[in-house]
Amino acid sequence: DLAGVAQPRLVRGLTGHCRDDFEAVGNLVAKALRDCGWGGVNQKWISVQDKSGHGGSRTYKVTCEKGNPPSVALHSRSEAATSDPIAEPRMEVAAQLFASAGLAPTRLAQGGD
């Protein structure tokens, strides 16, 4: 049951960044979360680490001590992953279910263009 689960903020216009440009990744997170605890965060305060495995998608740990929360995960999906009509909706629902059961953090924002 997803009743009462906070819905993530929908963001648009932030895709198409170079996934090897950590400054752009940090800016993406700061923009996406500016109304969710990262307002007023200076780019110089942001640290980005690539925590990806060996698939085509990327996972980053983005940290800013002045952000709330101070660390977030950013999942940048590969074109193959986002074009699958089943995988993405299934992952969205799974993330919400796990968060509602206290088994995973709440998804703060999501979107694609």
PDB file of N, CA and C in Angstrom:
ATOM      1  N   ASP A   1       0.845  -1.185   0.000  1.00  0.00           N
ATOM      2  CA  ASP A   1       0.000   0.000   0.000  1.00  0.00           C
ATOM      3  C   ASP A   1       0.882   1.236   0.000  1.00  0.00           C
ATOM      4  N   LEU A   2       0.678   2.116  -0.965  1.00  0.00           N
ATOM      5  CA  LEU A   2       1.495   3.322  -1.093  1.00  0.00           C
ATOM      6  C   LEU A   2       0.804   4.568  -0.548  1.00  0.00           C
ATOM      7  N   ALA A   3      -0.331   4.401   0.093  1.00  0.00           N
ATOM      8  CA  ALA A   3      -1.032   5.546   0.672  1.00  0.00           C
ATOM      9  C   ALA A   3      -0.146   6.177   1.744  1.00  0.00           C
ATOM     10  N   GLY A   4      -0.003   7.464   1.684  1.00  0.00           N
ATOM     11  CA  GLY A   4       0.795   8.175   2.670  1.00  0.00           C
ATOM     12  C   GLY A   4       2.286   8.227   2.363  1.00  0.00           C
ATOM     13  N   VAL A   5       2.723   7.571   1.298  1.00  0.00           N
ATOM     14  CA  VAL A   5       4.137   7.624   0.924  1.00  0.00           C
ATOM     15  C   VAL A   5       4.388   8.925   0.171  1.00  0.00           C
ATOM     16  N   ALA A   6       5.377   9.676   0.615  1.00  0.00           N
ATOM     17  CA  ALA A   6       5.702  10.941  -0.041  1.00  0.00           C
ATOM     18  C   ALA A   6       6.139  10.674  -1.476  1.00  0.00           C
ATOM     19  N   GLN A   7       5.552  11.409  -2.400  1.00  0.00           N
ATOM     20  CA  GLN A   7       5.904  11.257  -3.808  1.00  0.00           C
ATOM     21  C   GLN A   7       7.165  12.071  -4.108  1.00  0.00           C
ATOM     22  N   PRO A   8       8.055  11.533  -4.927  1.00  0.00           N
ATOM     23  CA  PRO A   8       9.270  12.280  -5.259  1.00  0.00           C
ATOM     24  C   PRO A   8       8.960  13.502  -6.113  1.00  0.00           C
ATOM     25  N   ARG A   9       9.807  14.482  -6.011  1.00  0.00           N
ATOM     26  CA  ARG A   9       9.674  15.697  -6.811  1.00  0.00           C
ATOM     27  C   ARG A   9       9.962  15.345  -8.269  1.00  0.00           C
ATOM     28  N   LEU A  10       9.117  15.767  -9.174  1.00  0.00           N
ATOM     29  CA  LEU A  10       9.305  15.527 -10.598  1.00  0.00           C
ATOM     30  C   LEU A  10      10.180  16.627 -11.176  1.00  0.00           C
ATOM     31  N   VAL A  11      11.282  16.248 -11.786  1.00  0.00           N
ATOM     32  CA  VAL A  11      12.192  17.223 -12.391  1.00  0.00           C
ATOM     33  C   VAL A  11      12.291  16.957 -13.888  1.00  0.00           C
ATOM     34  N   ARG A  12      12.405  18.003 -14.656  1.00  0.00           N
ATOM     35  CA  ARG A  12      12.532  17.914 -16.116  1.00  0.00           C
ATOM     36  C   ARG A  12      13.653  18.846 -16.563  1.00  0.00           C
ATOM     37  N   GLY A  13      14.212  18.541 -17.710  1.00  0.00           N
ATOM     38  CA  GLY A  13      15.218  19.416 -18.313  1.00  0.00           C
ATOM     39  C   GLY A  13      16.625  19.232 -17.779  1.00  0.00           C
ATOM     40  N   LEU A  14      16.881  18.148 -17.058  1.00  0.00           N
ATOM     41  CA  LEU A  14      18.211  17.946 -16.479  1.00  0.00           C
ATOM     42  C   LEU A  14      18.935  16.742 -17.073  1.00  0.00           C
ATOM     43  N   THR A  15      18.399  16.165 -18.137  1.00  0.00           N
ATOM     44  CA  THR A  15      19.065  15.030 -18.760  1.00  0.00           C
ATOM     45  C   THR A  15      20.023  15.530 -19.835  1.00  0.00           C
ATOM     46  N   GLY A  16      20.811  14.620 -20.356  1.00  0.00           N
ATOM     47  CA  GLY A  16      21.734  14.964 -21.429  1.00  0.00           C
ATOM     48  C   GLY A  16      23.076  15.467 -20.948  1.00  0.00           C
ATOM     49  N   HIS A  17      23.335  15.394 -19.655  1.00  0.00           N
ATOM     50  CA  HIS A  17      24.631  15.826 -19.137  1.00  0.00           C
ATOM     51  C   HIS A  17      25.697  14.767 -19.424  1.00  0.00           C
ATOM     52  N   CYS A  18      26.941  15.173 -19.437  1.00  0.00           N
ATOM     53  CA  CYS A  18      28.048  14.225 -19.589  1.00  0.00           C
ATOM     54  C   CYS A  18      28.212  13.494 -18.262  1.00  0.00           C
ATOM     55  N   ARG A  19      28.089  12.176 -18.287  1.00  0.00           N
ATOM     56  CA  ARG A  19      28.112  11.408 -17.040  1.00  0.00           C
ATOM     57  C   ARG A  19      29.514  11.303 -16.437  1.00  0.00           C
ATOM     58  N   ASP A  20      30.532  11.756 -17.168  1.00  0.00           N
ATOM     59  CA  ASP A  20      31.891  11.788 -16.621  1.00  0.00           C
ATOM     60  C   ASP A  20      32.254  13.157 -16.057  1.00  0.00           C
ATOM     61  N   ASP A  21      31.366  14.119 -16.205  1.00  0.00           N
ATOM     62  CA  ASP A  21      31.583  15.477 -15.709  1.00  0.00           C
ATOM     63  C   ASP A  21      30.963  15.586 -14.320  1.00  0.00           C
ATOM     64  N   PHE A  22      31.774  15.376 -13.286  1.00  0.00           N
ATOM     65  CA  PHE A  22      31.262  15.346 -11.923  1.00  0.00           C
ATOM     66  C   PHE A  22      30.723  16.700 -11.473  1.00  0.00           C
ATOM     67  N   GLU A  23      31.248  17.791 -12.002  1.00  0.00           N
ATOM     68  CA  GLU A  23      30.710  19.107 -11.658  1.00  0.00           C
ATOM     69  C   GLU A  23      29.275  19.228 -12.182  1.00  0.00           C
ATOM     70  N   ALA A  24      29.033  18.743 -13.397  1.00  0.00           N
ATOM     71  CA  ALA A  24      27.678  18.772 -13.968  1.00  0.00           C
ATOM     72  C   ALA A  24      26.741  17.867 -13.170  1.00  0.00           C
ATOM     73  N   VAL A  25      27.233  16.718 -12.725  1.00  0.00           N
ATOM     74  CA  VAL A  25      26.423  15.809 -11.907  1.00  0.00           C
ATOM     75  C   VAL A  25      26.050  16.494 -10.590  1.00  0.00           C
ATOM     76  N   GLY A  26      27.004  17.139  -9.953  1.00  0.00           N
ATOM     77  CA  GLY A  26      26.737  17.867  -8.711  1.00  0.00           C
ATOM     78  C   GLY A  26      25.726  18.988  -8.915  1.00  0.00           C
ATOM     79  N   ASN A  27      25.864  19.731 -10.020  1.00  0.00           N
ATOM     80  CA  ASN A  27      24.912  20.801 -10.333  1.00  0.00           C
ATOM     81  C   ASN A  27      23.517  20.246 -10.566  1.00  0.00           C
ATOM     82  N   LEU A  28      23.433  19.094 -11.231  1.00  0.00           N
ATOM     83  CA  LEU A  28      22.142  18.461 -11.479  1.00  0.00           C
ATOM     84  C   LEU A  28      21.429  18.171 -10.159  1.00  0.00           C
ATOM     85  N   VAL A  29      22.153  17.589  -9.215  1.00  0.00           N
ATOM     86  CA  VAL A  29      21.557  17.270  -7.915  1.00  0.00           C
ATOM     87  C   VAL A  29      21.148  18.543  -7.179  1.00  0.00           C
ATOM     88  N   ALA A  30      22.009  19.539  -7.168  1.00  0.00           N
ATOM     89  CA  ALA A  30      21.680  20.790  -6.483  1.00  0.00           C
ATOM     90  C   ALA A  30      20.428  21.439  -7.079  1.00  0.00           C
ATOM     91  N   LYS A  31      20.290  21.420  -8.402  1.00  0.00           N
ATOM     92  CA  LYS A  31      19.098  21.978  -9.045  1.00  0.00           C
ATOM     93  C   LYS A  31      17.862  21.145  -8.736  1.00  0.00           C
ATOM     94  N   ALA A  32      17.990  19.832  -8.827  1.00  0.00           N
ATOM     95  CA  ALA A  32      16.836  18.958  -8.597  1.00  0.00           C
ATOM     96  C   ALA A  32      16.328  19.058  -7.163  1.00  0.00           C
ATOM     97  N   LEU A  33      17.227  19.288  -6.215  1.00  0.00           N
ATOM     98  CA  LEU A  33      16.851  19.293  -4.801  1.00  0.00           C
ATOM     99  C   LEU A  33      16.849  20.691  -4.181  1.00  0.00           C
ATOM    100  N   ARG A  34      16.857  21.716  -5.013  1.00  0.00           N
ATOM    101  CA  ARG A  34      16.938  23.084  -4.465  1.00  0.00           C
ATOM    102  C   ARG A  34      15.775  23.415  -3.542  1.00  0.00           C
ATOM    103  N   ASP A  35      14.608  22.791  -3.765  1.00  0.00           N
ATOM    104  CA  ASP A  35      13.446  23.027  -2.904  1.00  0.00           C
ATOM    105  C   ASP A  35      13.274  21.915  -1.876  1.00  0.00           C
ATOM    106  N   CYS A  36      14.246  21.028  -1.802  1.00  0.00           N
ATOM    107  CA  CYS A  36      14.141  19.848  -0.923  1.00  0.00           C
ATOM    108  C   CYS A  36      15.331  19.737   0.018  1.00  0.00           C
ATOM    109  N   GLY A  37      15.896  20.854   0.448  1.00  0.00           N
ATOM    110  CA  GLY A  37      16.990  20.802   1.412  1.00  0.00           C
ATOM    111  C   GLY A  37      18.361  21.142   0.861  1.00  0.00           C
ATOM    112  N   TRP A  38      18.446  21.402  -0.455  1.00  0.00           N
ATOM    113  CA  TRP A  38      19.738  21.759  -1.036  1.00  0.00           C
ATOM    114  C   TRP A  38      19.734  23.193  -1.583  1.00  0.00           C
ATOM    115  N   GLY A  39      18.770  23.995  -1.175  1.00  0.00           N
ATOM    116  CA  GLY A  39      18.724  25.392  -1.614  1.00  0.00           C
ATOM    117  C   GLY A  39      19.911  26.159  -1.062  1.00  0.00           C
ATOM    118  N   GLY A  40      20.510  26.990  -1.861  1.00  0.00           N
ATOM    119  CA  GLY A  40      21.642  27.802  -1.423  1.00  0.00           C
ATOM    120  C   GLY A  40      22.964  27.054  -1.348  1.00  0.00           C
ATOM    121  N   VAL A  41      22.987  25.802  -1.815  1.00  0.00           N
ATOM    122  CA  VAL A  41      24.226  25.022  -1.796  1.00  0.00           C
ATOM    123  C   VAL A  41      25.169  25.553  -2.874  1.00  0.00           C
ATOM    124  N   ASN A  42      26.398  25.799  -2.511  1.00  0.00           N
ATOM    125  CA  ASN A  42      27.421  26.265  -3.436  1.00  0.00           C
ATOM    126  C   ASN A  42      28.076  25.055  -4.106  1.00  0.00           C
ATOM    127  N   GLN A  43      28.284  25.122  -5.411  1.00  0.00           N
ATOM    128  CA  GLN A  43      28.898  24.020  -6.155  1.00  0.00           C
ATOM    129  C   GLN A  43      30.239  23.599  -5.547  1.00  0.00           C
ATOM    130  N   LYS A  44      30.969  24.531  -4.994  1.00  0.00           N
ATOM    131  CA  LYS A  44      32.288  24.227  -4.413  1.00  0.00           C
ATOM    132  C   LYS A  44      32.186  23.293  -3.208  1.00  0.00           C
ATOM    133  N   TRP A  45      31.011  23.214  -2.601  1.00  0.00           N
ATOM    134  CA  TRP A  45      30.812  22.381  -1.413  1.00  0.00           C
ATOM    135  C   TRP A  45      30.434  20.948  -1.772  1.00  0.00           C
ATOM    136  N   ILE A  46      30.150  20.681  -3.045  1.00  0.00           N
ATOM    137  CA  ILE A  46      29.623  19.379  -3.467  1.00  0.00           C
ATOM    138  C   ILE A  46      30.737  18.433  -3.881  1.00  0.00           C
ATOM    139  N   SER A  47      30.635  17.203  -3.392  1.00  0.00           N
ATOM    140  CA  SER A  47      31.568  16.135  -3.750  1.00  0.00           C
ATOM    141  C   SER A  47      30.784  15.033  -4.456  1.00  0.00           C
ATOM    142  N   VAL A  48      31.331  14.499  -5.554  1.00  0.00           N
ATOM    143  CA  VAL A  48      30.668  13.444  -6.322  1.00  0.00           C
ATOM    144  C   VAL A  48      31.621  12.264  -6.459  1.00  0.00           C
ATOM    145  N   GLN A  49      31.106  11.075  -6.148  1.00  0.00           N
ATOM    146  CA  GLN A  49      31.868   9.830  -6.309  1.00  0.00           C
ATOM    147  C   GLN A  49      31.060   8.883  -7.182  1.00  0.00           C
ATOM    148  N   ASP A  50      31.720   8.265  -8.149  1.00  0.00           N
ATOM    149  CA  ASP A  50      31.065   7.263  -8.999  1.00  0.00           C
ATOM    150  C   ASP A  50      31.125   5.930  -8.267  1.00  0.00           C
ATOM    151  N   LYS A  51      29.970   5.370  -7.967  1.00  0.00           N
ATOM    152  CA  LYS A  51      29.862   4.104  -7.241  1.00  0.00           C
ATOM    153  C   LYS A  51      29.265   3.009  -8.131  1.00  0.00           C
ATOM    154  N   SER A  52      29.400   3.186  -9.450  1.00  0.00           N
ATOM    155  CA  SER A  52      28.778   2.288 -10.407  1.00  0.00           C
ATOM    156  C   SER A  52      29.424   0.909 -10.413  1.00  0.00           C
ATOM    157  N   GLY A  53      28.618  -0.040 -10.878  1.00  0.00           N
ATOM    158  CA  GLY A  53      29.119  -1.391 -11.105  1.00  0.00           C
ATOM    159  C   GLY A  53      29.600  -1.516 -12.536  1.00  0.00           C
ATOM    160  N   HIS A  54      29.207  -2.575 -13.191  1.00  0.00           N
ATOM    161  CA  HIS A  54      29.697  -2.814 -14.544  1.00  0.00           C
ATOM    162  C   HIS A  54      28.601  -2.763 -15.601  1.00  0.00           C
ATOM    163  N   GLY A  55      27.416  -2.263 -15.252  1.00  0.00           N
ATOM    164  CA  GLY A  55      26.335  -2.132 -16.231  1.00  0.00           C
ATOM    165  C   GLY A  55      26.474  -0.820 -16.984  1.00  0.00           C
ATOM    166  N   GLY A  56      25.498  -0.487 -17.791  1.00  0.00           N
ATOM    167  CA  GLY A  56      25.546   0.739 -18.573  1.00  0.00           C
ATOM    168  C   GLY A  56      25.054   1.961 -17.833  1.00  0.00           C
ATOM    169  N   SER A  57      24.305   1.763 -16.757  1.00  0.00           N
ATOM    170  CA  SER A  57      23.817   2.894 -15.953  1.00  0.00           C
ATOM    171  C   SER A  57      24.900   3.329 -14.984  1.00  0.00           C
ATOM    172  N   ARG A  58      24.722   4.492 -14.392  1.00  0.00           N
ATOM    173  CA  ARG A  58      25.690   5.007 -13.415  1.00  0.00           C
ATOM    174  C   ARG A  58      24.992   5.299 -12.095  1.00  0.00           C
ATOM    175  N   THR A  59      25.729   5.116 -11.006  1.00  0.00           N
ATOM    176  CA  THR A  59      25.254   5.464  -9.672  1.00  0.00           C
ATOM    177  C   THR A  59      26.315   6.337  -9.016  1.00  0.00           C
ATOM    178  N   TYR A  60      25.890   7.484  -8.510  1.00  0.00           N
ATOM    179  CA  TYR A  60      26.791   8.439  -7.872  1.00  0.00           C
ATOM    180  C   TYR A  60      26.381   8.672  -6.423  1.00  0.00           C
ATOM    181  N   LYS A  61      27.362   8.881  -5.587  1.00  0.00           N
ATOM    182  CA  LYS A  61      27.128   9.391  -4.237  1.00  0.00           C
ATOM    183  C   LYS A  61      27.477  10.874  -4.299  1.00  0.00           C
ATOM    184  N   VAL A  62      26.479  11.706  -4.022  1.00  0.00           N
ATOM    185  CA  VAL A  62      26.668  13.153  -4.085  1.00  0.00           C
ATOM    186  C   VAL A  62      26.520  13.691  -2.667  1.00  0.00           C
ATOM    187  N   THR A  63      27.558  14.380  -2.204  1.00  0.00           N
ATOM    188  CA  THR A  63      27.625  14.821  -0.815  1.00  0.00           C
ATOM    189  C   THR A  63      27.835  16.328  -0.728  1.00  0.00           C
ATOM    190  N   CYS A  64      27.114  16.940   0.194  1.00  0.00           N
ATOM    191  CA  CYS A  64      27.316  18.340   0.542  1.00  0.00           C
ATOM    192  C   CYS A  64      26.919  18.481   2.007  1.00  0.00           C
ATOM    193  N   GLU A  65      27.851  18.785   2.853  1.00  0.00           N
ATOM    194  CA  GLU A  65      27.584  18.876   4.290  1.00  0.00           C
ATOM    195  C   GLU A  65      26.494  19.889   4.621  1.00  0.00           C
ATOM    196  N   LYS A  66      26.312  20.892   3.762  1.00  0.00           N
ATOM    197  CA  LYS A  66      25.282  21.906   4.016  1.00  0.00           C
ATOM    198  C   LYS A  66      23.933  21.522   3.428  1.00  0.00           C
ATOM    199  N   GLY A  67      23.872  20.381   2.730  1.00  0.00           N
ATOM    200  CA  GLY A  67      22.618  19.901   2.171  1.00  0.00           C
ATOM    201  C   GLY A  67      21.847  19.100   3.209  1.00  0.00           C
ATOM    202  N   ASN A  68      20.563  18.958   2.992  1.00  0.00           N
ATOM    203  CA  ASN A  68      19.726  18.154   3.877  1.00  0.00           C
ATOM    204  C   ASN A  68      18.839  17.257   3.026  1.00  0.00           C
ATOM    205  N   PRO A  69      19.179  15.986   2.947  1.00  0.00           N
ATOM    206  CA  PRO A  69      20.229  15.249   3.646  1.00  0.00           C
ATOM    207  C   PRO A  69      21.603  15.566   3.062  1.00  0.00           C
ATOM    208  N   PRO A  70      22.652  15.326   3.832  1.00  0.00           N
ATOM    209  CA  PRO A  70      23.996  15.686   3.370  1.00  0.00           C
ATOM    210  C   PRO A  70      24.536  14.780   2.254  1.00  0.00           C
ATOM    211  N   SER A  71      23.993  13.597   2.076  1.00  0.00           N
ATOM    212  CA  SER A  71      24.409  12.696   1.000  1.00  0.00           C
ATOM    213  C   SER A  71      23.180  12.096   0.330  1.00  0.00           C
ATOM    214  N   VAL A  72      23.236  12.021  -0.992  1.00  0.00           N
ATOM    215  CA  VAL A  72      22.158  11.401  -1.764  1.00  0.00           C
ATOM    216  C   VAL A  72      22.780  10.510  -2.837  1.00  0.00           C
ATOM    217  N   ALA A  73      21.993   9.594  -3.338  1.00  0.00           N
ATOM    218  CA  ALA A  73      22.411   8.761  -4.471  1.00  0.00           C
ATOM    219  C   ALA A  73      21.707   9.283  -5.715  1.00  0.00           C
ATOM    220  N   LEU A  74      22.443   9.343  -6.795  1.00  0.00           N
ATOM    221  CA  LEU A  74      21.869   9.702  -8.089  1.00  0.00           C
ATOM    222  C   LEU A  74      22.068   8.512  -9.018  1.00  0.00           C
ATOM    223  N   HIS A  75      20.988   8.037  -9.578  1.00  0.00           N
ATOM    224  CA  HIS A  75      21.048   6.947 -10.544  1.00  0.00           C
ATOM    225  C   HIS A  75      20.808   7.548 -11.923  1.00  0.00           C
ATOM    226  N   SER A  76      21.790   7.459 -12.782  1.00  0.00           N
ATOM    227  CA  SER A  76      21.686   7.940 -14.153  1.00  0.00           C
ATOM    228  C   SER A  76      21.553   6.712 -15.044  1.00  0.00           C
ATOM    229  N   ARG A  77      20.379   6.517 -15.561  1.00  0.00           N
ATOM    230  CA  ARG A  77      20.072   5.297 -16.310  1.00  0.00           C
ATOM    231  C   ARG A  77      20.628   5.353 -17.727  1.00  0.00           C
ATOM    232  N   SER A  78      21.027   4.190 -18.220  1.00  0.00           N
ATOM    233  CA  SER A  78      21.480   4.079 -19.607  1.00  0.00           C
ATOM    234  C   SER A  78      20.269   4.152 -20.525  1.00  0.00           C
ATOM    235  N   GLU A  79      20.526   4.424 -21.789  1.00  0.00           N
ATOM    236  CA  GLU A  79      19.443   4.485 -22.783  1.00  0.00           C
ATOM    237  C   GLU A  79      18.702   3.153 -22.858  1.00  0.00           C
ATOM    238  N   ALA A  80      19.444   2.048 -22.765  1.00  0.00           N
ATOM    239  CA  ALA A  80      18.812   0.721 -22.818  1.00  0.00           C
ATOM    240  C   ALA A  80      17.858   0.522 -21.640  1.00  0.00           C
ATOM    241  N   ALA A  81      18.255   1.001 -20.460  1.00  0.00           N
ATOM    242  CA  ALA A  81      17.406   0.831 -19.273  1.00  0.00           C
ATOM    243  C   ALA A  81      16.147   1.686 -19.355  1.00  0.00           C
ATOM    244  N   THR A  82      16.287   2.918 -19.815  1.00  0.00           N
ATOM    245  CA  THR A  82      15.125   3.811 -19.842  1.00  0.00           C
ATOM    246  C   THR A  82      14.156   3.489 -20.969  1.00  0.00           C
ATOM    247  N   SER A  83      14.614   2.777 -21.979  1.00  0.00           N
ATOM    248  CA  SER A  83      13.714   2.440 -23.081  1.00  0.00           C
ATOM    249  C   SER A  83      12.893   1.180 -22.799  1.00  0.00           C
ATOM    250  N   ASP A  84      13.193   0.480 -21.712  1.00  0.00           N
ATOM    251  CA  ASP A  84      12.436  -0.720 -21.344  1.00  0.00           C
ATOM    252  C   ASP A  84      11.104  -0.292 -20.732  1.00  0.00           C
ATOM    253  N   PRO A  85       9.975  -0.653 -21.346  1.00  0.00           N
ATOM    254  CA  PRO A  85       8.677  -0.185 -20.855  1.00  0.00           C
ATOM    255  C   PRO A  85       8.236  -0.829 -19.541  1.00  0.00           C
ATOM    256  N   ILE A  86       8.929  -1.854 -19.094  1.00  0.00           N
ATOM    257  CA  ILE A  86       8.549  -2.543 -17.860  1.00  0.00           C
ATOM    258  C   ILE A  86       9.495  -2.223 -16.709  1.00  0.00           C
ATOM    259  N   ALA A  87      10.794  -2.194 -16.972  1.00  0.00           N
ATOM    260  CA  ALA A  87      11.791  -2.079 -15.907  1.00  0.00           C
ATOM    261  C   ALA A  87      11.682  -0.787 -15.101  1.00  0.00           C
ATOM    262  N   GLU A  88      11.566   0.352 -15.776  1.00  0.00           N
ATOM    263  CA  GLU A  88      11.549   1.624 -15.051  1.00  0.00           C
ATOM    264  C   GLU A  88      10.308   1.777 -14.165  1.00  0.00           C
ATOM    265  N   PRO A  89       9.103   1.536 -14.673  1.00  0.00           N
ATOM    266  CA  PRO A  89       7.928   1.627 -13.790  1.00  0.00           C
ATOM    267  C   PRO A  89       7.998   0.628 -12.628  1.00  0.00           C
ATOM    268  N   ARG A  90       8.518  -0.555 -12.892  1.00  0.00           N
ATOM    269  CA  ARG A  90       8.648  -1.559 -11.841  1.00  0.00           C
ATOM    270  C   ARG A  90       9.639  -1.091 -10.774  1.00  0.00           C
ATOM    271  N   MET A  91      10.756  -0.494 -11.193  1.00  0.00           N
ATOM    272  CA  MET A  91      11.744   0.000 -10.239  1.00  0.00           C
ATOM    273  C   MET A  91      11.173   1.151  -9.403  1.00  0.00           C
ATOM    274  N   GLU A  92      10.372   2.013 -10.031  1.00  0.00           N
ATOM    275  CA  GLU A  92       9.752   3.130  -9.308  1.00  0.00           C
ATOM    276  C   GLU A  92       8.836   2.627  -8.202  1.00  0.00           C
ATOM    277  N   VAL A  93       7.979   1.675  -8.520  1.00  0.00           N
ATOM    278  CA  VAL A  93       7.060   1.119  -7.527  1.00  0.00           C
ATOM    279  C   VAL A  93       7.827   0.379  -6.436  1.00  0.00           C
ATOM    280  N   ALA A  94       8.855  -0.383  -6.814  1.00  0.00           N
ATOM    281  CA  ALA A  94       9.657  -1.106  -5.815  1.00  0.00           C
ATOM    282  C   ALA A  94      10.331  -0.133  -4.849  1.00  0.00           C
ATOM    283  N   ALA A  95      10.869   0.962  -5.370  1.00  0.00           N
ATOM    284  CA  ALA A  95      11.518   1.955  -4.510  1.00  0.00           C
ATOM    285  C   ALA A  95      10.523   2.537  -3.507  1.00  0.00           C
ATOM    286  N   GLN A  96       9.314   2.831  -3.960  1.00  0.00           N
ATOM    287  CA  GLN A  96       8.293   3.381  -3.071  1.00  0.00           C
ATOM    288  C   GLN A  96       7.861   2.360  -2.021  1.00  0.00           C
ATOM    289  N   LEU A  97       7.701   1.105  -2.434  1.00  0.00           N
ATOM    290  CA  LEU A  97       7.307   0.060  -1.481  1.00  0.00           C
ATOM    291  C   LEU A  97       8.383  -0.168  -0.423  1.00  0.00           C
ATOM    292  N   PHE A  98       9.631  -0.267  -0.852  1.00  0.00           N
ATOM    293  CA  PHE A  98      10.719  -0.464   0.113  1.00  0.00           C
ATOM    294  C   PHE A  98      10.819   0.720   1.071  1.00  0.00           C
ATOM    295  N   ALA A  99      10.672   1.944   0.559  1.00  0.00           N
ATOM    296  CA  ALA A  99      10.739   3.127   1.424  1.00  0.00           C
ATOM    297  C   ALA A  99       9.586   3.135   2.417  1.00  0.00           C
ATOM    298  N   SER A 100       8.379   2.760   1.956  1.00  0.00           N
ATOM    299  CA  SER A 100       7.221   2.769   2.859  1.00  0.00           C
ATOM    300  C   SER A 100       7.355   1.733   3.965  1.00  0.00           C
ATOM    301  N   ALA A 101       8.120   0.673   3.717  1.00  0.00           N
ATOM    302  CA  ALA A 101       8.344  -0.363   4.728  1.00  0.00           C
ATOM    303  C   ALA A 101       9.584  -0.070   5.579  1.00  0.00           C
ATOM    304  N   GLY A 102      10.254   1.060   5.328  1.00  0.00           N
ATOM    305  CA  GLY A 102      11.447   1.410   6.092  1.00  0.00           C
ATOM    306  C   GLY A 102      12.679   0.618   5.687  1.00  0.00           C
ATOM    307  N   LEU A 103      12.648   0.022   4.498  1.00  0.00           N
ATOM    308  CA  LEU A 103      13.764  -0.814   4.044  1.00  0.00           C
ATOM    309  C   LEU A 103      14.706  -0.089   3.095  1.00  0.00           C
ATOM    310  N   ALA A 104      14.363   1.114   2.700  1.00  0.00           N
ATOM    311  CA  ALA A 104      15.184   1.900   1.777  1.00  0.00           C
ATOM    312  C   ALA A 104      14.900   3.371   2.013  1.00  0.00           C
ATOM    313  N   PRO A 105      15.822   4.239   1.610  1.00  0.00           N
ATOM    314  CA  PRO A 105      15.554   5.672   1.748  1.00  0.00           C
ATOM    315  C   PRO A 105      14.458   6.111   0.790  1.00  0.00           C
ATOM    316  N   THR A 106      13.833   7.226   1.110  1.00  0.00           N
ATOM    317  CA  THR A 106      12.786   7.795   0.277  1.00  0.00           C
ATOM    318  C   THR A 106      13.406   8.394  -0.984  1.00  0.00           C
ATOM    319  N   ARG A 107      12.763   8.155  -2.104  1.00  0.00           N
ATOM    320  CA  ARG A 107      13.192   8.767  -3.370  1.00  0.00           C
ATOM    321  C   ARG A 107      12.787  10.235  -3.304  1.00  0.00           C
ATOM    322  N   LEU A 108      13.763  11.130  -3.406  1.00  0.00           N
ATOM    323  CA  LEU A 108      13.499  12.557  -3.259  1.00  0.00           C
ATOM    324  C   LEU A 108      13.034  13.208  -4.560  1.00  0.00           C
ATOM    325  N   ALA A 109      13.609  12.774  -5.679  1.00  0.00           N
ATOM    326  CA  ALA A 109      13.267  13.368  -6.973  1.00  0.00           C
ATOM    327  C   ALA A 109      13.469  12.333  -8.063  1.00  0.00           C
ATOM    328  N   GLN A 110      12.783  12.530  -9.155  1.00  0.00           N
ATOM    329  CA  GLN A 110      12.951  11.654 -10.305  1.00  0.00           C
ATOM    330  C   GLN A 110      12.487  12.393 -11.542  1.00  0.00           C
ATOM    331  N   GLY A 111      12.905  11.907 -12.685  1.00  0.00           N
ATOM    332  CA  GLY A 111      12.440  12.514 -13.925  1.00  0.00           C
ATOM    333  C   GLY A 111      13.330  12.161 -15.080  1.00  0.00           C
ATOM    334  N   GLY A 112      12.866  12.493 -16.228  1.00  0.00           N
ATOM    335  CA  GLY A 112      13.573  12.308 -17.477  1.00  0.00           C
ATOM    336  C   GLY A 112      12.886  13.172 -18.503  1.00  0.00           C
ATOM    337  N   ASP A 113      13.548  13.387 -19.585  1.00  0.00           N
ATOM    338  CA  ASP A 113      12.962  14.279 -20.591  1.00  0.00           C
ATOM    339  C   ASP A 113      12.368  13.505 -21.717  1.00  0.00           C
TER     340      ASP A 113
END
